[in-house]
Amino acid sequence: MSTGGGFAVIDGAQLGDIDLSLPDQGAQALTGAQVIELAESRVSDRLYGLALPETVRSGALGRVGFQGAELDGDQAAERLNEYVAAIADALKDDPIVVSILDGSALRLYLEDEDDFAMLAENLFTELDAEDTGKIKKSEIRRALDHMGVDMGVPPPSELPLLSDILKKHGAEGEEEVGQAQFAEVLQSVLHEVADTLAEKRIIVTHNVKVVNGFKIRKILGDEKQLTHVVEKILEENHEQNSIETVRKYLEKNGTDMGLPPLDVEEAVALYNAVFYSAAFNKSVLEWSKDETREIVKEILEKFAEQLESDPVFVDLGN
């Protein structure tokens, strides 16, 4: 699933048609460790060369048993399938958000004269803090920092050649330039950065949690978990309006159930939309336990549907 603009959400869907064949080793058996290594290598190849986060890896390993030092062909094939499926499932539960920096985002700016002129003007104005109409050439580096990953520029730590590129195009030193010359130098630097990324793309992982309804679906599919939620809601009922009671419970406990935190702007709109559509007229006192269960189930279904079609991205910060 892609978020567009060079961003992608790795949620396990990318593994649907992964190669699950075993290497040709004749009659030689494979160990569990070899099967794990093979699976993770195939997964990494499919996921832009990324290594699995330890949380995803440990979660997947916890779902699959690799008993026995050696596995015959059929056993190894079965374990390989099981482990890749477990990784895909773990990624559904804990997706990874990445930026794929391959130069394409930069080329969109460079190929449109008006867009690039506006970009250069905005950057120059931001860097010209004293409004002198002049900035040092060395400020080009700061301009790239201002653009950042969102606009297709990798962090300096991910692009060791950046210093060489800046030096090559005269984007260093104390010499001052006006807006027109700044734009000219910036353009040449960005062209080379885009060319460099086209030869070897850079993948940047973001510290972002994707709330996509998957955890809610797990609750809805587990009678014990759903019953526990209903019982907790009934325990907290103090003769308030029924919908108010459910909403207050979910606002308080929703993040543990797979709902976005309320300090995220999209979460408030999501709650309002779901509870507006769940406009029941019964009071809590009129609800039996079974009725409460059906109402809570319907509300959670609405949350899951909304989040599946429009996930909420929560920035976890540094």
C-alpha atoms as a PDB file:
ATOM      1  CA  MET A   1       0.000   0.000   0.000  1.00  0.00           C
ATOM      2  CA  SER A   2       1.469   3.316  -1.008  1.00  0.00           C
ATOM      3  CA  THR A   3       0.823   6.750   0.459  1.00  0.00           C
ATOM      4  CA  GLY A   4       2.064   8.452  -2.701  1.00  0.00           C
ATOM      5  CA  GLY A   5       4.811  11.010  -3.196  1.00  0.00           C
ATOM      6  CA  GLY A   6       7.633   8.534  -2.683  1.00  0.00           C
ATOM      7  CA  PHE A   7       6.227   7.229   0.613  1.00  0.00           C
ATOM      8  CA  ALA A   8       5.200   3.619   1.023  1.00  0.00           C
ATOM      9  CA  VAL A   9       3.601   1.558   3.755  1.00  0.00           C
ATOM     10  CA  ILE A  10       5.054  -1.927   4.068  1.00  0.00           C
ATOM     11  CA  ASP A  11       2.111  -3.891   5.438  1.00  0.00           C
ATOM     12  CA  GLY A  12       2.770  -7.447   4.318  1.00  0.00           C
ATOM     13  CA  ALA A  13       0.823  -7.168   1.055  1.00  0.00           C
ATOM     14  CA  GLN A  14       4.153  -6.990  -0.789  1.00  0.00           C
ATOM     15  CA  LEU A  15       4.865 -10.619   0.154  1.00  0.00           C
ATOM     16  CA  GLY A  16       1.840 -12.141  -1.554  1.00  0.00           C
ATOM     17  CA  ASP A  17       3.741 -13.589  -4.519  1.00  0.00           C
ATOM     18  CA  ILE A  18       7.207 -13.977  -3.008  1.00  0.00           C
ATOM     19  CA  ASP A  19       9.411 -16.833  -4.219  1.00  0.00           C
ATOM     20  CA  LEU A  20       8.988 -19.715  -1.756  1.00  0.00           C
ATOM     21  CA  SER A  21      11.024 -22.340  -3.604  1.00  0.00           C
ATOM     22  CA  LEU A  22      13.840 -24.097  -1.802  1.00  0.00           C
ATOM     23  CA  PRO A  23      17.414 -23.959  -3.123  1.00  0.00           C
ATOM     24  CA  ASP A  24      18.494 -27.007  -5.111  1.00  0.00           C
ATOM     25  CA  GLN A  25      20.515 -28.940  -2.542  1.00  0.00           C
ATOM     26  CA  GLY A  26      19.763 -32.452  -3.626  1.00  0.00           C
ATOM     27  CA  ALA A  27      18.944 -34.644  -0.668  1.00  0.00           C
ATOM     28  CA  GLN A  28      20.678 -32.351   1.824  1.00  0.00           C
ATOM     29  CA  ALA A  29      18.460 -31.372   4.746  1.00  0.00           C
ATOM     30  CA  LEU A  30      18.059 -27.797   5.950  1.00  0.00           C
ATOM     31  CA  THR A  31      18.235 -26.628   9.533  1.00  0.00           C
ATOM     32  CA  GLY A  32      15.619 -24.359  11.033  1.00  0.00           C
ATOM     33  CA  ALA A  33      18.194 -21.563  11.139  1.00  0.00           C
ATOM     34  CA  GLN A  34      18.848 -21.953   7.403  1.00  0.00           C
ATOM     35  CA  VAL A  35      15.137 -21.769   6.625  1.00  0.00           C
ATOM     36  CA  ILE A  36      14.860 -18.581   8.706  1.00  0.00           C
ATOM     37  CA  GLU A  37      17.848 -17.065   6.912  1.00  0.00           C
ATOM     38  CA  LEU A  38      16.435 -17.998   3.507  1.00  0.00           C
ATOM     39  CA  ALA A  39      13.000 -16.558   4.317  1.00  0.00           C
ATOM     40  CA  GLU A  40      14.410 -13.295   5.666  1.00  0.00           C
ATOM     41  CA  SER A  41      16.667 -12.903   2.630  1.00  0.00           C
ATOM     42  CA  ARG A  42      13.722 -13.368   0.246  1.00  0.00           C
ATOM     43  CA  VAL A  43      11.617 -10.937   2.284  1.00  0.00           C
ATOM     44  CA  SER A  44      14.399  -8.340   2.363  1.00  0.00           C
ATOM     45  CA  ASP A  45      14.798  -8.565  -1.415  1.00  0.00           C
ATOM     46  CA  ARG A  46      11.091  -7.843  -1.821  1.00  0.00           C
ATOM     47  CA  LEU A  47      11.077  -5.009   0.746  1.00  0.00           C
ATOM     48  CA  TYR A  48      13.607  -2.707  -0.924  1.00  0.00           C
ATOM     49  CA  GLY A  49      16.548  -4.421   0.786  1.00  0.00           C
ATOM     50  CA  LEU A  50      15.332  -3.557   4.294  1.00  0.00           C
ATOM     51  CA  ALA A  51      16.171  -5.761   7.229  1.00  0.00           C
ATOM     52  CA  LEU A  52      13.146  -6.701   9.310  1.00  0.00           C
ATOM     53  CA  PRO A  53      12.645  -4.608  12.457  1.00  0.00           C
ATOM     54  CA  GLU A  54      13.283  -6.723  15.525  1.00  0.00           C
ATOM     55  CA  THR A  55       9.689  -6.265  16.727  1.00  0.00           C
ATOM     56  CA  VAL A  56       8.357  -7.723  13.473  1.00  0.00           C
ATOM     57  CA  ARG A  57      10.966 -10.492  13.379  1.00  0.00           C
ATOM     58  CA  SER A  58      10.414 -11.619  16.964  1.00  0.00           C
ATOM     59  CA  GLY A  59       6.648 -11.438  16.514  1.00  0.00           C
ATOM     60  CA  ALA A  60       6.835 -13.644  13.429  1.00  0.00           C
ATOM     61  CA  LEU A  61       9.230 -16.130  15.023  1.00  0.00           C
ATOM     62  CA  GLY A  62       6.913 -16.390  18.016  1.00  0.00           C
ATOM     63  CA  ARG A  63       4.141 -17.652  15.739  1.00  0.00           C
ATOM     64  CA  VAL A  64       6.187 -20.393  14.068  1.00  0.00           C
ATOM     65  CA  GLY A  65       7.936 -23.346  15.671  1.00  0.00           C
ATOM     66  CA  PHE A  66      11.209 -24.623  14.222  1.00  0.00           C
ATOM     67  CA  GLN A  67      11.609 -27.779  16.241  1.00  0.00           C
ATOM     68  CA  GLY A  68      14.360 -30.150  15.245  1.00  0.00           C
ATOM     69  CA  ALA A  69      17.911 -29.508  14.124  1.00  0.00           C
ATOM     70  CA  GLU A  70      17.246 -30.678  10.579  1.00  0.00           C
ATOM     71  CA  LEU A  71      14.255 -30.495   8.255  1.00  0.00           C
ATOM     72  CA  ASP A  72      13.656 -32.620   5.195  1.00  0.00           C
ATOM     73  CA  GLY A  73      12.467 -31.033   1.944  1.00  0.00           C
ATOM     74  CA  ASP A  74       8.765 -31.112   2.741  1.00  0.00           C
ATOM     75  CA  GLN A  75       9.290 -29.886   6.290  1.00  0.00           C
ATOM     76  CA  ALA A  76      11.579 -27.065   5.152  1.00  0.00           C
ATOM     77  CA  ALA A  77       9.101 -25.954   2.473  1.00  0.00           C
ATOM     78  CA  GLU A  78       6.282 -25.963   5.009  1.00  0.00           C
ATOM     79  CA  ARG A  79       8.314 -23.960   7.551  1.00  0.00           C
ATOM     80  CA  LEU A  80       9.412 -21.486   4.866  1.00  0.00           C
ATOM     81  CA  ASN A  81       5.781 -20.854   3.896  1.00  0.00           C
ATOM     82  CA  GLU A  82       4.713 -20.562   7.530  1.00  0.00           C
ATOM     83  CA  TYR A  83       7.461 -18.111   8.454  1.00  0.00           C
ATOM     84  CA  VAL A  84       6.888 -15.809   5.470  1.00  0.00           C
ATOM     85  CA  ALA A  85       3.145 -15.858   6.206  1.00  0.00           C
ATOM     86  CA  ALA A  86       3.903 -15.006   9.842  1.00  0.00           C
ATOM     87  CA  ILE A  87       6.115 -12.082   8.742  1.00  0.00           C
ATOM     88  CA  ALA A  88       3.333 -10.810   6.467  1.00  0.00           C
ATOM     89  CA  ASP A  89       0.863 -11.071   9.344  1.00  0.00           C
ATOM     90  CA  ALA A  90       3.235  -9.269  11.723  1.00  0.00           C
ATOM     91  CA  LEU A  91       3.633  -6.463   9.181  1.00  0.00           C
ATOM     92  CA  LYS A  92      -0.149  -6.087   8.954  1.00  0.00           C
ATOM     93  CA  ASP A  93      -0.149  -5.594  12.708  1.00  0.00           C
ATOM     94  CA  ASP A  94       2.893  -3.280  12.731  1.00  0.00           C
ATOM     95  CA  PRO A  95       3.475  -1.745   9.264  1.00  0.00           C
ATOM     96  CA  ILE A  96       6.665   0.092   8.350  1.00  0.00           C
ATOM     97  CA  VAL A  97       6.528   3.533   6.711  1.00  0.00           C
ATOM     98  CA  VAL A  98       9.411   4.332   4.375  1.00  0.00           C
ATOM     99  CA  SER A  99      10.445   6.966   1.868  1.00  0.00           C
ATOM    100  CA  ILE A 100      11.804   5.591  -1.384  1.00  0.00           C
ATOM    101  CA  LEU A 101      14.286   8.186  -2.605  1.00  0.00           C
ATOM    102  CA  ASP A 102      15.143   7.409  -6.217  1.00  0.00           C
ATOM    103  CA  GLY A 103      15.334  10.916  -7.652  1.00  0.00           C
ATOM    104  CA  SER A 104      11.824  10.874  -9.117  1.00  0.00           C
ATOM    105  CA  ALA A 105      10.402  13.363  -6.593  1.00  0.00           C
ATOM    106  CA  LEU A 106      13.218  15.814  -7.301  1.00  0.00           C
ATOM    107  CA  ARG A 107      12.718  15.494 -11.050  1.00  0.00           C
ATOM    108  CA  LEU A 108       9.097  16.580 -10.680  1.00  0.00           C
ATOM    109  CA  TYR A 109      10.330  19.919  -9.362  1.00  0.00           C
ATOM    110  CA  LEU A 110      13.180  20.188 -11.846  1.00  0.00           C
ATOM    111  CA  GLU A 111      11.032  19.420 -14.893  1.00  0.00           C
ATOM    112  CA  ASP A 112       8.468  22.137 -14.115  1.00  0.00           C
ATOM    113  CA  GLU A 113      10.015  25.600 -14.409  1.00  0.00           C
ATOM    114  CA  ASP A 114       7.257  27.298 -12.434  1.00  0.00           C
ATOM    115  CA  ASP A 115       7.373  24.774  -9.595  1.00  0.00           C
ATOM    116  CA  PHE A 116      11.132  24.996  -9.354  1.00  0.00           C
ATOM    117  CA  ALA A 117      11.125  28.801  -9.462  1.00  0.00           C
ATOM    118  CA  MET A 118       8.628  28.876  -6.596  1.00  0.00           C
ATOM    119  CA  LEU A 119      10.640  26.317  -4.630  1.00  0.00           C
ATOM    120  CA  ALA A 120      13.881  28.272  -5.084  1.00  0.00           C
ATOM    121  CA  GLU A 121      12.195  31.546  -4.161  1.00  0.00           C
ATOM    122  CA  ASN A 122      10.666  30.097  -0.996  1.00  0.00           C
ATOM    123  CA  LEU A 123      13.956  28.545   0.097  1.00  0.00           C
ATOM    124  CA  PHE A 124      15.913  31.731  -0.581  1.00  0.00           C
ATOM    125  CA  THR A 125      13.409  33.828   1.370  1.00  0.00           C
ATOM    126  CA  GLU A 126      13.570  31.410   4.295  1.00  0.00           C
ATOM    127  CA  LEU A 127      17.377  31.424   4.345  1.00  0.00           C
ATOM    128  CA  ASP A 128      17.670  35.196   3.888  1.00  0.00           C
ATOM    129  CA  ALA A 129      16.688  35.837   7.489  1.00  0.00           C
ATOM    130  CA  GLU A 130      17.948  39.453   7.477  1.00  0.00           C
ATOM    131  CA  ASP A 131      16.238  40.250   4.158  1.00  0.00           C
ATOM    132  CA  THR A 132      19.443  41.508   2.528  1.00  0.00           C
ATOM    133  CA  GLY A 133      18.797  39.860  -0.826  1.00  0.00           C
ATOM    134  CA  LYS A 134      22.036  37.912  -0.434  1.00  0.00           C
ATOM    135  CA  ILE A 135      22.994  34.612   1.201  1.00  0.00           C
ATOM    136  CA  LYS A 136      26.243  32.647   1.370  1.00  0.00           C
ATOM    137  CA  LYS A 137      26.761  29.812  -1.094  1.00  0.00           C
ATOM    138  CA  SER A 138      27.239  27.476   1.853  1.00  0.00           C
ATOM    139  CA  GLU A 139      23.548  28.008   2.651  1.00  0.00           C
ATOM    140  CA  ILE A 140      22.740  25.610  -0.218  1.00  0.00           C
ATOM    141  CA  ARG A 141      23.387  22.779   2.227  1.00  0.00           C
ATOM    142  CA  ARG A 142      20.789  24.239   4.583  1.00  0.00           C
ATOM    143  CA  ALA A 143      18.384  24.581   1.670  1.00  0.00           C
ATOM    144  CA  LEU A 144      18.638  20.805   1.127  1.00  0.00           C
ATOM    145  CA  ASP A 145      18.003  20.252   4.829  1.00  0.00           C
ATOM    146  CA  HIS A 146      14.872  22.399   4.581  1.00  0.00           C
ATOM    147  CA  MET A 147      13.650  20.330   1.629  1.00  0.00           C
ATOM    148  CA  GLY A 148      14.274  17.078   3.438  1.00  0.00           C
ATOM    149  CA  VAL A 149      12.949  13.605   2.848  1.00  0.00           C
ATOM    150  CA  ASP A 150       9.400  14.802   2.165  1.00  0.00           C
ATOM    151  CA  MET A 151      10.661  16.501  -0.998  1.00  0.00           C
ATOM    152  CA  GLY A 152      13.001  13.693  -2.028  1.00  0.00           C
ATOM    153  CA  VAL A 153      16.298  14.798  -0.450  1.00  0.00           C
ATOM    154  CA  PRO A 154      17.963  12.169   1.755  1.00  0.00           C
ATOM    155  CA  PRO A 155      19.598  13.021   5.088  1.00  0.00           C
ATOM    156  CA  PRO A 156      23.312  13.875   4.662  1.00  0.00           C
ATOM    157  CA  SER A 157      24.209  10.765   6.670  1.00  0.00           C
ATOM    158  CA  GLU A 158      22.533   8.619   3.985  1.00  0.00           C
ATOM    159  CA  LEU A 159      24.233  10.377   1.062  1.00  0.00           C
ATOM    160  CA  PRO A 160      28.020  10.427   1.657  1.00  0.00           C
ATOM    161  CA  LEU A 161      28.589  11.955  -1.796  1.00  0.00           C
ATOM    162  CA  LEU A 162      26.684  15.124  -0.882  1.00  0.00           C
ATOM    163  CA  SER A 163      29.780  17.083   0.139  1.00  0.00           C
ATOM    164  CA  ASP A 164      31.468  16.204  -3.158  1.00  0.00           C
ATOM    165  CA  ILE A 165      28.349  17.245  -5.087  1.00  0.00           C
ATOM    166  CA  LEU A 166      28.157  20.591  -3.293  1.00  0.00           C
ATOM    167  CA  LYS A 167      31.849  21.251  -3.841  1.00  0.00           C
ATOM    168  CA  LYS A 168      31.629  20.284  -7.523  1.00  0.00           C
ATOM    169  CA  HIS A 169      28.882  22.853  -8.152  1.00  0.00           C
ATOM    170  CA  GLY A 170      30.431  25.642  -6.117  1.00  0.00           C
ATOM    171  CA  ALA A 171      27.885  25.405  -3.335  1.00  0.00           C
ATOM    172  CA  GLU A 172      30.369  25.990  -0.559  1.00  0.00           C
ATOM    173  CA  GLY A 173      32.270  28.905   0.888  1.00  0.00           C
ATOM    174  CA  GLU A 174      31.450  32.394   2.148  1.00  0.00           C
ATOM    175  CA  GLU A 175      30.784  34.019  -1.237  1.00  0.00           C
ATOM    176  CA  GLU A 176      27.362  35.652  -1.328  1.00  0.00           C
ATOM    177  CA  VAL A 177      24.827  35.144  -4.096  1.00  0.00           C
ATOM    178  CA  GLY A 178      21.479  36.662  -4.995  1.00  0.00           C
ATOM    179  CA  GLN A 179      18.270  34.759  -5.621  1.00  0.00           C
ATOM    180  CA  ALA A 180      18.878  34.113  -9.324  1.00  0.00           C
ATOM    181  CA  GLN A 181      22.362  32.674  -8.789  1.00  0.00           C
ATOM    182  CA  PHE A 182      21.134  30.704  -5.769  1.00  0.00           C
ATOM    183  CA  ALA A 183      18.431  29.121  -7.943  1.00  0.00           C
ATOM    184  CA  GLU A 184      20.971  28.262 -10.635  1.00  0.00           C
ATOM    185  CA  VAL A 185      23.349  26.551  -8.208  1.00  0.00           C
ATOM    186  CA  LEU A 186      20.500  24.782  -6.404  1.00  0.00           C
ATOM    187  CA  GLN A 187      19.186  23.462  -9.710  1.00  0.00           C
ATOM    188  CA  SER A 188      22.533  21.961 -10.700  1.00  0.00           C
ATOM    189  CA  VAL A 189      22.976  20.384  -7.265  1.00  0.00           C
ATOM    190  CA  LEU A 190      19.498  18.858  -7.305  1.00  0.00           C
ATOM    191  CA  HIS A 191      20.035  17.456 -10.795  1.00  0.00           C
ATOM    192  CA  GLU A 192      23.128  15.608  -9.609  1.00  0.00           C
ATOM    193  CA  VAL A 193      21.477  14.419  -6.412  1.00  0.00           C
ATOM    194  CA  ALA A 194      18.586  13.062  -8.517  1.00  0.00           C
ATOM    195  CA  ASP A 195      21.034  11.306 -10.863  1.00  0.00           C
ATOM    196  CA  THR A 196      22.876   9.812  -7.892  1.00  0.00           C
ATOM    197  CA  LEU A 197      19.644   8.500  -6.381  1.00  0.00           C
ATOM    198  CA  ALA A 198      18.545   7.086  -9.743  1.00  0.00           C
ATOM    199  CA  GLU A 199      21.703   4.964  -9.783  1.00  0.00           C
ATOM    200  CA  LYS A 200      21.254   3.811  -6.187  1.00  0.00           C
ATOM    201  CA  ARG A 201      18.066   4.628  -4.370  1.00  0.00           C
ATOM    202  CA  ILE A 202      17.985   5.297  -0.652  1.00  0.00           C
ATOM    203  CA  ILE A 203      15.285   3.959   1.670  1.00  0.00           C
ATOM    204  CA  VAL A 204      14.545   6.022   4.771  1.00  0.00           C
ATOM    205  CA  THR A 205      12.448   4.446   7.535  1.00  0.00           C
ATOM    206  CA  HIS A 206      10.115   6.750   9.463  1.00  0.00           C
ATOM    207  CA  ASN A 207       9.258   6.500  13.140  1.00  0.00           C
ATOM    208  CA  VAL A 208       5.551   6.363  12.382  1.00  0.00           C
ATOM    209  CA  LYS A 209       2.810   4.049  13.598  1.00  0.00           C
ATOM    210  CA  VAL A 210       0.115   3.102  11.114  1.00  0.00           C
ATOM    211  CA  VAL A 211      -3.342   2.649  12.625  1.00  0.00           C
ATOM    212  CA  ASN A 212      -5.119   0.607   9.965  1.00  0.00           C
ATOM    213  CA  GLY A 213      -7.936  -1.284  11.682  1.00  0.00           C
ATOM    214  CA  PHE A 214      -6.064  -4.593  11.785  1.00  0.00           C
ATOM    215  CA  LYS A 215      -6.000  -4.818  15.583  1.00  0.00           C
ATOM    216  CA  ILE A 216      -9.707  -3.992  15.778  1.00  0.00           C
ATOM    217  CA  ARG A 217     -10.428  -6.793  13.305  1.00  0.00           C
ATOM    218  CA  LYS A 218      -8.559  -9.189  15.598  1.00  0.00           C
ATOM    219  CA  ILE A 219     -10.779  -8.148  18.518  1.00  0.00           C
ATOM    220  CA  LEU A 220     -13.914  -8.550  16.417  1.00  0.00           C
ATOM    221  CA  GLY A 221     -12.760 -12.010  15.381  1.00  0.00           C
ATOM    222  CA  ASP A 222     -12.097 -13.131  18.958  1.00  0.00           C
ATOM    223  CA  GLU A 223     -15.240 -13.750  21.015  1.00  0.00           C
ATOM    224  CA  LYS A 224     -13.303 -13.654  24.290  1.00  0.00           C
ATOM    225  CA  GLN A 225     -11.714 -10.274  23.568  1.00  0.00           C
ATOM    226  CA  LEU A 226     -14.972  -8.747  22.354  1.00  0.00           C
ATOM    227  CA  THR A 227     -16.830 -10.007  25.435  1.00  0.00           C
ATOM    228  CA  HIS A 228     -14.139  -8.489  27.660  1.00  0.00           C
ATOM    229  CA  VAL A 229     -14.593  -5.082  26.001  1.00  0.00           C
ATOM    230  CA  VAL A 230     -18.394  -5.236  26.404  1.00  0.00           C
ATOM    231  CA  GLU A 231     -18.111  -6.203  30.068  1.00  0.00           C
ATOM    232  CA  LYS A 232     -15.731  -3.334  30.765  1.00  0.00           C
ATOM    233  CA  ILE A 233     -18.108  -0.869  29.093  1.00  0.00           C
ATOM    234  CA  LEU A 234     -21.029  -2.176  31.170  1.00  0.00           C
ATOM    235  CA  GLU A 235     -18.954  -1.872  34.356  1.00  0.00           C
ATOM    236  CA  GLU A 236     -18.321   1.812  33.635  1.00  0.00           C
ATOM    237  CA  ASN A 237     -21.985   2.624  32.929  1.00  0.00           C
ATOM    238  CA  HIS A 238     -23.335   5.262  35.306  1.00  0.00           C
ATOM    239  CA  GLU A 239     -26.717   5.858  33.688  1.00  0.00           C
ATOM    240  CA  GLN A 240     -25.203   8.072  30.999  1.00  0.00           C
ATOM    241  CA  ASN A 241     -26.401   8.145  27.431  1.00  0.00           C
ATOM    242  CA  SER A 242     -25.468   4.798  25.886  1.00  0.00           C
ATOM    243  CA  ILE A 243     -23.437   6.175  23.009  1.00  0.00           C
ATOM    244  CA  GLU A 244     -21.686   8.549  25.388  1.00  0.00           C
ATOM    245  CA  THR A 245     -20.670   5.603  27.566  1.00  0.00           C
ATOM    246  CA  VAL A 246     -19.194   3.652  24.653  1.00  0.00           C
ATOM    247  CA  ARG A 247     -17.429   6.718  23.306  1.00  0.00           C
ATOM    248  CA  LYS A 248     -15.885   7.628  26.649  1.00  0.00           C
ATOM    249  CA  TYR A 249     -14.648   4.077  27.127  1.00  0.00           C
ATOM    250  CA  LEU A 250     -13.069   3.971  23.663  1.00  0.00           C
ATOM    251  CA  GLU A 251     -11.536   7.432  24.054  1.00  0.00           C
ATOM    252  CA  LYS A 252      -9.927   6.228  27.281  1.00  0.00           C
ATOM    253  CA  ASN A 253      -8.865   2.737  26.160  1.00  0.00           C
ATOM    254  CA  GLY A 254      -8.960   2.905  22.363  1.00  0.00           C
ATOM    255  CA  THR A 255      -5.225   3.046  21.693  1.00  0.00           C
ATOM    256  CA  ASP A 256      -4.816  -0.392  23.304  1.00  0.00           C
ATOM    257  CA  MET A 257      -7.525  -1.670  20.974  1.00  0.00           C
ATOM    258  CA  GLY A 258      -6.020  -0.315  17.766  1.00  0.00           C
ATOM    259  CA  LEU A 259      -7.629   3.134  17.621  1.00  0.00           C
ATOM    260  CA  PRO A 260      -5.589   6.297  17.017  1.00  0.00           C
ATOM    261  CA  PRO A 261      -4.782   8.573  19.990  1.00  0.00           C
ATOM    262  CA  LEU A 262      -7.017  11.603  20.331  1.00  0.00           C
ATOM    263  CA  ASP A 263      -4.098  14.037  20.147  1.00  0.00           C
ATOM    264  CA  VAL A 264      -3.879  13.208  16.437  1.00  0.00           C
ATOM    265  CA  GLU A 265      -6.066  15.569  14.414  1.00  0.00           C
ATOM    266  CA  GLU A 266      -7.554  12.852  12.205  1.00  0.00           C
ATOM    267  CA  ALA A 267      -8.630  10.835  15.255  1.00  0.00           C
ATOM    268  CA  VAL A 268     -11.167  13.397  16.471  1.00  0.00           C
ATOM    269  CA  ALA A 269     -12.790  13.575  13.027  1.00  0.00           C
ATOM    270  CA  LEU A 270     -12.845   9.766  12.886  1.00  0.00           C
ATOM    271  CA  TYR A 271     -14.578   9.465  16.276  1.00  0.00           C
ATOM    272  CA  ASN A 272     -17.115  12.123  15.319  1.00  0.00           C
ATOM    273  CA  ALA A 273     -17.910  10.409  12.021  1.00  0.00           C
ATOM    274  CA  VAL A 274     -18.313   6.940  13.553  1.00  0.00           C
ATOM    275  CA  PHE A 275     -20.456   8.019  16.489  1.00  0.00           C
ATOM    276  CA  TYR A 276     -22.563  10.335  14.374  1.00  0.00           C
ATOM    277  CA  SER A 277     -23.469   7.399  12.145  1.00  0.00           C
ATOM    278  CA  ALA A 278     -24.157   5.252  15.227  1.00  0.00           C
ATOM    279  CA  ALA A 279     -27.014   7.481  16.393  1.00  0.00           C
ATOM    280  CA  PHE A 280     -28.864   5.080  18.681  1.00  0.00           C
ATOM    281  CA  ASN A 281     -31.773   6.385  20.772  1.00  0.00           C
ATOM    282  CA  LYS A 282     -31.788   3.801  23.557  1.00  0.00           C
ATOM    283  CA  SER A 283     -30.452   4.623  26.994  1.00  0.00           C
ATOM    284  CA  VAL A 284     -27.936   2.352  28.701  1.00  0.00           C
ATOM    285  CA  LEU A 285     -30.606   1.106  31.093  1.00  0.00           C
ATOM    286  CA  GLU A 286     -32.589  -0.283  28.158  1.00  0.00           C
ATOM    287  CA  TRP A 287     -29.645  -2.215  26.776  1.00  0.00           C
ATOM    288  CA  SER A 288     -29.264  -5.852  27.614  1.00  0.00           C
ATOM    289  CA  LYS A 289     -25.784  -7.326  27.536  1.00  0.00           C
ATOM    290  CA  ASP A 290     -26.490  -8.880  24.143  1.00  0.00           C
ATOM    291  CA  GLU A 291     -27.767  -5.558  22.767  1.00  0.00           C
ATOM    292  CA  THR A 292     -24.712  -3.783  24.100  1.00  0.00           C
ATOM    293  CA  ARG A 293     -22.513  -6.360  22.458  1.00  0.00           C
ATOM    294  CA  GLU A 294     -24.159  -5.830  19.066  1.00  0.00           C
ATOM    295  CA  ILE A 295     -23.937  -2.053  19.354  1.00  0.00           C
ATOM    296  CA  VAL A 296     -20.271  -2.128  20.382  1.00  0.00           C
ATOM    297  CA  LYS A 297     -19.562  -4.614  17.611  1.00  0.00           C
ATOM    298  CA  GLU A 298     -21.213  -2.338  15.045  1.00  0.00           C
ATOM    299  CA  ILE A 299     -19.229   0.678  16.250  1.00  0.00           C
ATOM    300  CA  LEU A 300     -15.942  -1.231  16.107  1.00  0.00           C
ATOM    301  CA  GLU A 301     -16.842  -2.473  12.624  1.00  0.00           C
ATOM    302  CA  LYS A 302     -17.301   1.134  11.504  1.00  0.00           C
ATOM    303  CA  PHE A 303     -13.924   2.089  12.983  1.00  0.00           C
ATOM    304  CA  ALA A 304     -12.248  -0.838  11.241  1.00  0.00           C
ATOM    305  CA  GLU A 305     -13.839   0.006   7.884  1.00  0.00           C
ATOM    306  CA  GLN A 306     -12.814   3.663   8.116  1.00  0.00           C
ATOM    307  CA  LEU A 307      -9.234   2.860   9.137  1.00  0.00           C
ATOM    308  CA  GLU A 308      -8.835   0.213   6.441  1.00  0.00           C
ATOM    309  CA  SER A 309      -9.802   2.694   3.743  1.00  0.00           C
ATOM    310  CA  ASP A 310      -8.065   5.695   5.332  1.00  0.00           C
ATOM    311  CA  PRO A 311      -5.349   4.714   7.854  1.00  0.00           C
ATOM    312  CA  VAL A 312      -4.159   7.210  10.451  1.00  0.00           C
ATOM    313  CA  PHE A 313      -0.410   7.861  10.634  1.00  0.00           C
ATOM    314  CA  VAL A 314       0.897   8.683  14.100  1.00  0.00           C
ATOM    315  CA  ASP A 315       4.291  10.375  14.294  1.00  0.00           C
ATOM    316  CA  LEU A 316       6.142   8.780  17.210  1.00  0.00           C
ATOM    317  CA  GLY A 317       8.885  11.434  17.153  1.00  0.00           C
ATOM    318  CA  ASN A 318      12.554  10.721  17.780  1.00  0.00           C
END
